[in-house]
Amino acid sequence: MYQSNFFLFSWSNLLFNHSQEVVAMPFMLCLQRIVLTSCILLTAGIGFSESSIAEQTTVQSETTYSIPPYLQRLLPHQLINYLAYSIAEKKWPWLKNHLISDFIAKNNIDMSEALHENPEHYQSFNDFFTRALKKGARPLPEDPDLIISPVDGTFSQMGPIENGRIFQAKQHNYSLSALFAGNNQLADRFKHGLFSTIYLSPGDYHRVHMPTSGTLKQMIYVPGSLYSVNAETTNDIEGLYARNERVISIFETDYGEMAVIMVGAMVVGSMETVWEGPVKPLSRQITWQSYKNRTVYLGRGDEMGRFKLGSTVIVLFANPEVDWLQHHLPGNKIKMGVPIGSALD
């Protein structure tokens, strides 16, 4: 949820520092600013709770501003999403340079590993947020049989899928059928497998890569809510990942079927894949797309997608003979390319 508040407060400060420019803006842009300022006053007036992610896990240190789950239920998710996305796509130098520099400072981002180290190189905040890394910044293991982490992030939960259900947090779990938008046949194929849920904090690298080589079989877009996916919301909202908007990609691999699920969240303006680009059908209905007549093959470590503003990735394997490496635990930080699993001997 930090990203939305970051935009709200950064944008609020700039509103008053650039009043002359506002007067020159077209009517709709001024209206957009008025609506956004109203959202700022509303959310700030009701009250933010400032905390540290370090209080939730011992491995993170970013500062976050979290909106309580009960308030998230009342907020207009799609409107907030639209406003944040609009801001993040603006190419106005005075705006995007301020947002980027402020974001780097607040999240201690190491720009030395970015392909373009100069923050002013990026055309918009989203261009910066989805920045590429230098070659070799995320080395892959030499053993080709090891499954790797698809993202930089923090393990939320991981383990076996039990009775067709996935553990979320505390007393919460959710069904594979719900995650797969009611496709019981697909859920049955994964019900004896395993899952790993990785949360991407604001300061993390936000491109998604292949855990292992595979051929795309199907992509499913599922519209839904846009709750924040931080620890507080995960502990409070039952079936969170099966409620939020998501893009499900099913691959055939040497380990059997694998699903890589990109889960949207509040202010996640867009999710993209390398084979389709932005995935956001205008109809906001569940869409199923087969790739039987179009070969999309990606190697281990290849980029498969990206978040324009952060969220969560869930990796599922249907094969019960695959297992996660035992030294990875919920709350541990992970980098893309680090081994997380292998086939059982």
Protein backbone atom coordinates (compact mmCIF):
# COMPACT_ATOMS: atom_id res chain seq x y z
CA MET A 1 0.00 0.00 0.00
CA TYR A 2 3.06 2.25 0.36
CA GLN A 3 3.12 3.01 -3.35
CA SER A 4 -0.31 4.63 -3.36
CA ASN A 5 0.48 6.81 -0.37
CA PHE A 6 3.85 7.69 -1.86
CA PHE A 7 2.11 9.00 -4.97
CA LEU A 8 -0.59 10.75 -2.99
CA PHE A 9 1.73 12.70 -0.73
CA SER A 10 4.37 13.40 -3.40
CA TRP A 11 1.68 14.60 -5.78
CA SER A 12 0.05 16.71 -3.06
CA ASN A 13 3.32 18.54 -2.39
CA LEU A 14 3.84 19.21 -6.06
CA LEU A 15 0.30 20.50 -6.51
CA PHE A 16 1.06 23.52 -4.39
CA ASN A 17 4.59 24.03 -5.70
CA HIS A 18 3.41 24.21 -9.30
CA SER A 19 0.16 26.13 -9.10
CA GLN A 20 1.04 28.26 -12.11
CA GLU A 21 1.47 25.15 -14.23
CA VAL A 22 -1.91 23.84 -13.06
CA VAL A 23 -3.62 26.97 -14.39
CA ALA A 24 -2.16 26.26 -17.80
CA MET A 25 -3.30 22.63 -17.81
CA PRO A 26 -6.35 21.55 -19.81
CA PHE A 27 -9.56 21.26 -17.83
CA MET A 28 -9.48 17.44 -17.51
CA LEU A 29 -5.97 17.43 -16.09
CA CYS A 30 -6.97 20.03 -13.51
CA LEU A 31 -10.03 17.96 -12.67
CA GLN A 32 -7.82 14.91 -12.24
CA ARG A 33 -5.69 16.81 -9.75
CA ILE A 34 -8.75 17.99 -7.83
CA VAL A 35 -10.05 14.41 -7.55
CA LEU A 36 -6.64 13.17 -6.46
CA THR A 37 -6.30 15.88 -3.85
CA SER A 38 -9.73 14.87 -2.51
CA CYS A 39 -8.49 11.29 -2.20
CA ILE A 40 -5.44 12.58 -0.32
CA LEU A 41 -7.55 14.52 2.15
CA LEU A 42 -9.95 11.62 2.61
CA THR A 43 -7.33 8.98 3.29
CA ALA A 44 -5.10 11.28 5.33
CA GLY A 45 -8.08 12.54 7.34
CA ILE A 46 -9.25 9.07 8.28
CA GLY A 47 -5.71 8.22 9.32
CA PHE A 48 -2.70 6.27 8.18
CA SER A 49 -0.79 3.97 10.48
CA GLU A 50 2.94 4.35 9.95
CA SER A 51 4.90 1.22 10.62
CA SER A 52 7.97 -0.62 9.45
CA ILE A 53 7.90 -3.81 7.43
CA ALA A 54 10.70 -4.83 9.78
CA GLU A 55 8.01 -5.19 12.44
CA GLN A 56 6.26 -7.76 10.25
CA THR A 57 9.36 -9.65 9.17
CA THR A 58 12.90 -9.43 10.43
CA VAL A 59 14.41 -9.07 6.98
CA GLN A 60 12.95 -5.86 5.59
CA SER A 61 13.62 -2.26 6.55
CA GLU A 62 11.58 -0.11 4.20
CA THR A 63 9.16 2.36 5.75
CA THR A 64 5.56 1.76 4.79
CA TYR A 65 2.29 3.58 5.27
CA SER A 66 -0.52 1.06 5.52
CA ILE A 67 -4.22 1.66 5.18
CA PRO A 68 -6.14 -0.62 7.57
CA PRO A 69 -7.96 -3.50 5.84
CA TYR A 70 -11.38 -2.30 7.04
CA LEU A 71 -10.78 1.00 5.25
CA GLN A 72 -9.52 -0.74 2.11
CA ARG A 73 -12.90 -2.42 1.86
CA LEU A 74 -14.51 1.02 1.50
CA LEU A 75 -12.06 2.63 -0.90
CA PRO A 76 -12.69 2.83 -4.67
CA HIS A 77 -9.96 0.43 -5.82
CA GLN A 78 -10.32 1.04 -9.53
CA LEU A 79 -10.34 4.84 -9.16
CA ILE A 80 -7.20 4.79 -7.03
CA ASN A 81 -5.64 2.43 -9.56
CA TYR A 82 -6.51 4.77 -12.43
CA LEU A 83 -5.17 7.86 -10.68
CA ALA A 84 -1.91 6.22 -9.62
CA TYR A 85 -1.37 4.77 -13.08
CA SER A 86 -2.04 8.16 -14.69
CA ILE A 87 0.53 9.83 -12.47
CA ALA A 88 3.11 7.09 -12.96
CA GLU A 89 2.83 7.37 -16.75
CA LYS A 90 3.29 11.16 -16.92
CA LYS A 91 6.44 12.28 -18.74
CA TRP A 92 6.57 15.79 -17.29
CA PRO A 93 10.24 16.16 -16.17
CA TRP A 94 9.45 18.16 -13.02
CA LEU A 95 6.98 15.50 -11.89
CA LYS A 96 8.66 12.24 -12.83
CA ASN A 97 12.12 13.36 -11.65
CA HIS A 98 10.68 14.35 -8.26
CA LEU A 99 8.78 11.06 -7.88
CA ILE A 100 11.77 8.95 -8.90
CA SER A 101 14.36 10.71 -6.71
CA ASP A 102 12.01 10.68 -3.72
CA PHE A 103 11.23 7.00 -4.24
CA ILE A 104 14.93 6.06 -4.51
CA ALA A 105 15.71 7.89 -1.28
CA LYS A 106 12.78 6.44 0.69
CA ASN A 107 13.47 2.86 -0.42
CA ASN A 108 17.29 2.84 -0.45
CA ILE A 109 17.35 1.60 -4.05
CA ASP A 110 20.77 0.64 -5.39
CA MET A 111 20.89 2.29 -8.80
CA SER A 112 24.39 0.92 -9.49
CA GLU A 113 22.81 -2.39 -10.59
CA ALA A 114 20.31 -0.69 -12.92
CA LEU A 115 21.05 -0.72 -16.64
CA HIS A 116 20.62 3.06 -16.58
CA GLU A 117 21.95 4.50 -13.33
CA ASN A 118 20.89 8.10 -13.91
CA PRO A 119 17.33 8.56 -12.57
CA GLU A 120 16.67 11.32 -15.09
CA HIS A 121 17.19 8.86 -17.95
CA TYR A 122 13.72 7.38 -17.38
CA GLN A 123 10.80 8.84 -19.30
CA SER A 124 8.23 8.28 -16.54
CA PHE A 125 7.97 6.83 -13.06
CA ASN A 126 6.69 3.54 -14.50
CA ASP A 127 9.66 3.44 -16.88
CA PHE A 128 11.90 3.67 -13.82
CA PHE A 129 9.83 1.25 -11.75
CA THR A 130 10.12 -1.47 -14.41
CA ARG A 131 13.82 -0.70 -15.01
CA ALA A 132 16.10 -3.36 -16.43
CA LEU A 133 19.19 -4.51 -14.56
CA LYS A 134 22.75 -4.77 -15.85
CA LYS A 135 23.79 -8.08 -17.36
CA GLY A 136 25.02 -10.35 -14.60
CA ALA A 137 23.25 -8.47 -11.79
CA ARG A 138 21.17 -11.60 -11.11
CA PRO A 139 23.40 -14.61 -11.94
CA LEU A 140 21.75 -18.00 -12.46
CA PRO A 141 22.99 -21.20 -10.81
CA GLU A 142 25.23 -23.44 -12.91
CA ASP A 143 23.08 -26.51 -12.20
CA PRO A 144 20.37 -26.40 -14.91
CA ASP A 145 18.06 -28.64 -12.86
CA LEU A 146 17.57 -26.09 -10.08
CA ILE A 147 14.36 -24.04 -10.00
CA ILE A 148 15.00 -20.35 -9.35
CA SER A 149 13.11 -17.49 -7.77
CA PRO A 150 11.22 -15.57 -10.47
CA VAL A 151 11.50 -12.22 -8.64
CA ASP A 152 13.22 -10.17 -5.99
CA GLY A 153 11.01 -10.21 -2.95
CA THR A 154 10.14 -11.81 0.38
CA PHE A 155 8.70 -15.27 0.88
CA SER A 156 5.18 -14.89 2.25
CA GLN A 157 4.36 -18.61 2.44
CA MET A 158 5.51 -21.79 0.72
CA GLY A 159 4.83 -25.49 1.01
CA PRO A 160 2.60 -28.32 -0.23
CA ILE A 161 -0.91 -27.80 -1.53
CA GLU A 162 -3.13 -29.69 0.90
CA ASN A 163 -6.61 -30.93 -0.03
CA GLY A 164 -6.71 -28.52 -2.93
CA ARG A 165 -6.09 -25.52 -0.67
CA ILE A 166 -3.21 -23.05 -0.30
CA PHE A 167 -2.11 -21.59 3.01
CA GLN A 168 -2.26 -17.78 3.12
CA ALA A 169 -1.66 -16.66 6.72
CA LYS A 170 -2.72 -17.53 10.27
CA GLN A 171 -6.17 -19.14 9.95
CA HIS A 172 -6.61 -18.20 6.28
CA ASN A 173 -6.33 -20.45 3.27
CA TYR A 174 -8.00 -20.46 -0.12
CA SER A 175 -8.94 -23.02 -2.75
CA LEU A 176 -7.13 -23.73 -5.98
CA SER A 177 -10.48 -23.61 -7.73
CA ALA A 178 -11.02 -20.02 -6.60
CA LEU A 179 -7.48 -19.06 -7.56
CA PHE A 180 -8.05 -20.55 -11.03
CA ALA A 181 -11.33 -18.65 -11.42
CA GLY A 182 -13.54 -21.71 -10.93
CA ASN A 183 -11.70 -24.04 -13.32
CA ASN A 184 -11.97 -27.26 -11.32
CA GLN A 185 -10.25 -29.32 -13.98
CA LEU A 186 -7.16 -27.14 -13.81
CA ALA A 187 -7.31 -27.10 -10.01
CA ASP A 188 -7.43 -30.92 -9.91
CA ARG A 189 -4.15 -31.11 -11.83
CA PHE A 190 -2.35 -29.03 -9.18
CA LYS A 191 -4.06 -30.29 -6.02
CA HIS A 192 -1.16 -32.57 -5.00
CA GLY A 193 1.60 -30.12 -5.90
CA LEU A 194 3.28 -27.26 -4.10
CA PHE A 195 3.14 -23.48 -4.00
CA SER A 196 5.36 -20.51 -3.20
CA THR A 197 4.07 -16.96 -2.61
CA ILE A 198 6.57 -14.10 -2.94
CA TYR A 199 5.75 -10.52 -2.02
CA LEU A 200 7.45 -7.68 -3.90
CA SER A 201 8.06 -4.62 -1.73
CA PRO A 202 8.19 -1.15 -3.31
CA GLY A 203 11.99 -1.10 -3.47
CA ASP A 204 12.32 -4.48 -5.17
CA TYR A 205 13.15 -5.12 -8.82
CA HIS A 206 9.76 -5.59 -10.50
CA ARG A 207 10.32 -7.76 -13.54
CA VAL A 208 9.16 -11.39 -13.39
CA HIS A 209 11.34 -14.19 -14.78
CA MET A 210 10.91 -17.87 -15.52
CA PRO A 211 11.62 -20.24 -12.57
CA THR A 212 12.49 -22.95 -15.11
CA SER A 213 12.28 -23.36 -18.88
CA GLY A 214 8.84 -23.95 -20.28
CA THR A 215 6.34 -23.66 -23.11
CA LEU A 216 3.26 -21.51 -22.56
CA LYS A 217 0.00 -23.45 -22.78
CA GLN A 218 -2.59 -21.00 -21.53
CA MET A 219 -3.02 -17.52 -20.10
CA ILE A 220 -5.99 -16.53 -17.95
CA TYR A 221 -6.93 -12.99 -16.98
CA VAL A 222 -9.13 -12.77 -13.89
CA PRO A 223 -10.60 -9.37 -12.90
CA GLY A 224 -11.08 -8.72 -9.22
CA SER A 225 -10.46 -6.47 -6.27
CA LEU A 226 -7.23 -4.56 -5.72
CA TYR A 227 -6.52 -4.97 -2.03
CA SER A 228 -3.04 -4.22 -0.78
CA VAL A 229 -0.96 -7.39 -0.40
CA ASN A 230 1.15 -6.39 2.61
CA ALA A 231 1.32 -8.54 5.74
CA GLU A 232 -1.51 -6.77 7.57
CA THR A 233 -3.98 -7.24 4.73
CA THR A 234 -2.82 -10.81 4.07
CA ASN A 235 -3.54 -11.65 7.70
CA ASP A 236 -6.97 -10.00 7.63
CA ILE A 237 -8.58 -10.55 4.19
CA GLU A 238 -9.65 -14.15 3.69
CA GLY A 239 -8.82 -15.57 0.25
CA LEU A 240 -6.95 -12.39 -0.65
CA TYR A 241 -5.06 -13.76 -3.66
CA ALA A 242 -8.17 -15.43 -5.05
CA ARG A 243 -10.04 -12.09 -4.77
CA ASN A 244 -7.52 -9.76 -6.37
CA GLU A 245 -7.08 -9.20 -10.07
CA ARG A 246 -4.52 -11.61 -11.52
CA VAL A 247 -2.85 -12.99 -14.63
CA ILE A 248 -2.32 -16.77 -14.63
CA SER A 249 0.21 -18.32 -17.01
CA ILE A 250 0.31 -22.11 -17.39
CA PHE A 251 3.55 -23.65 -18.71
CA GLU A 252 4.62 -27.16 -19.62
CA THR A 253 8.10 -27.80 -18.19
CA ASP A 254 10.50 -30.68 -17.63
CA TYR A 255 8.97 -30.88 -14.14
CA GLY A 256 5.40 -31.08 -15.40
CA GLU A 257 2.88 -28.25 -15.33
CA MET A 258 3.85 -24.95 -13.74
CA ALA A 259 1.65 -21.93 -13.06
CA VAL A 260 3.11 -18.46 -12.57
CA ILE A 261 0.46 -16.09 -11.22
CA MET A 262 0.95 -12.33 -11.14
CA VAL A 263 -1.42 -10.89 -8.52
CA GLY A 264 -2.52 -7.28 -8.78
CA ALA A 265 -2.89 -4.97 -5.81
CA MET A 266 -3.90 -1.44 -4.92
CA VAL A 267 -2.27 1.02 -7.38
CA VAL A 268 -0.87 -1.76 -9.56
CA GLY A 269 -1.70 0.13 -12.72
CA SER A 270 -0.87 -2.64 -15.16
CA MET A 271 0.51 -6.15 -15.49
CA GLU A 272 2.36 -7.10 -18.66
CA THR A 273 3.71 -10.25 -20.29
CA VAL A 274 6.44 -10.41 -22.91
CA TRP A 275 4.14 -12.25 -25.33
CA GLU A 276 1.04 -10.03 -25.05
CA GLY A 277 2.15 -6.72 -23.56
CA PRO A 278 -0.32 -5.07 -21.12
CA VAL A 279 -2.99 -7.55 -19.95
CA LYS A 280 -6.16 -5.64 -19.09
CA PRO A 281 -9.18 -6.51 -21.25
CA LEU A 282 -11.67 -3.65 -21.45
CA SER A 283 -14.56 -6.00 -20.70
CA ARG A 284 -13.16 -6.87 -17.25
CA GLN A 285 -14.37 -10.41 -17.71
CA ILE A 286 -12.45 -13.63 -17.22
CA THR A 287 -10.57 -14.37 -20.43
CA TRP A 288 -8.98 -17.69 -21.35
CA GLN A 289 -6.38 -17.74 -24.09
CA SER A 290 -4.86 -20.91 -25.53
CA TYR A 291 -1.42 -21.04 -27.16
CA LYS A 292 -1.78 -24.37 -28.93
CA ASN A 293 -1.34 -22.70 -32.30
CA ARG A 294 1.37 -20.27 -31.22
CA THR A 295 4.63 -21.42 -29.68
CA VAL A 296 5.88 -19.30 -26.80
CA TYR A 297 8.98 -20.88 -25.26
CA LEU A 298 10.98 -19.19 -22.51
CA GLY A 299 14.20 -20.37 -20.93
CA ARG A 300 15.00 -20.38 -17.24
CA GLY A 301 15.68 -16.81 -16.16
CA ASP A 302 14.06 -15.22 -19.22
CA GLU A 303 11.79 -12.29 -18.50
CA MET A 304 8.12 -13.27 -18.71
CA GLY A 305 6.36 -10.18 -17.38
CA ARG A 306 6.45 -7.12 -15.19
CA PHE A 307 4.40 -5.11 -12.72
CA LYS A 308 3.85 -1.41 -13.22
CA LEU A 309 3.82 -0.85 -9.46
CA GLY A 310 4.34 -3.79 -7.18
CA SER A 311 2.51 -6.84 -5.95
CA THR A 312 2.88 -10.62 -5.46
CA VAL A 313 3.85 -13.65 -7.54
CA ILE A 314 2.60 -17.18 -6.82
CA VAL A 315 4.42 -20.17 -8.35
CA LEU A 316 2.68 -23.56 -8.47
CA PHE A 317 3.99 -26.94 -9.59
CA ALA A 318 1.56 -29.80 -10.21
CA ASN A 319 4.22 -32.49 -9.83
CA PRO A 320 4.51 -33.74 -6.20
CA GLU A 321 8.06 -34.89 -7.02
CA VAL A 322 9.20 -31.26 -7.03
CA ASP A 323 10.17 -29.75 -3.68
CA TRP A 324 11.35 -26.42 -2.33
CA LEU A 325 14.81 -26.14 -0.80
CA GLN A 326 14.46 -26.43 2.94
CA HIS A 327 16.54 -23.43 4.01
CA HIS A 328 14.00 -20.97 2.55
CA LEU A 329 11.44 -19.86 5.14
CA PRO A 330 8.51 -17.41 5.22
CA GLY A 331 9.85 -13.92 5.88
CA ASN A 332 13.18 -14.53 4.15
CA LYS A 333 14.32 -12.14 1.44
CA ILE A 334 15.15 -13.62 -1.96
CA LYS A 335 16.70 -12.39 -5.19
CA MET A 336 15.68 -13.39 -8.69
CA GLY A 337 17.91 -16.24 -9.88
CA VAL A 338 18.59 -17.75 -6.45
CA PRO A 339 17.73 -21.49 -6.34
CA ILE A 340 14.50 -22.25 -4.52
CA GLY A 341 13.62 -25.81 -5.60
CA SER A 342 14.51 -29.01 -7.44
CA ALA A 343 13.11 -32.39 -8.35
CA LEU A 344 13.28 -35.02 -5.62
CA ASP A 345 15.91 -37.73 -6.16
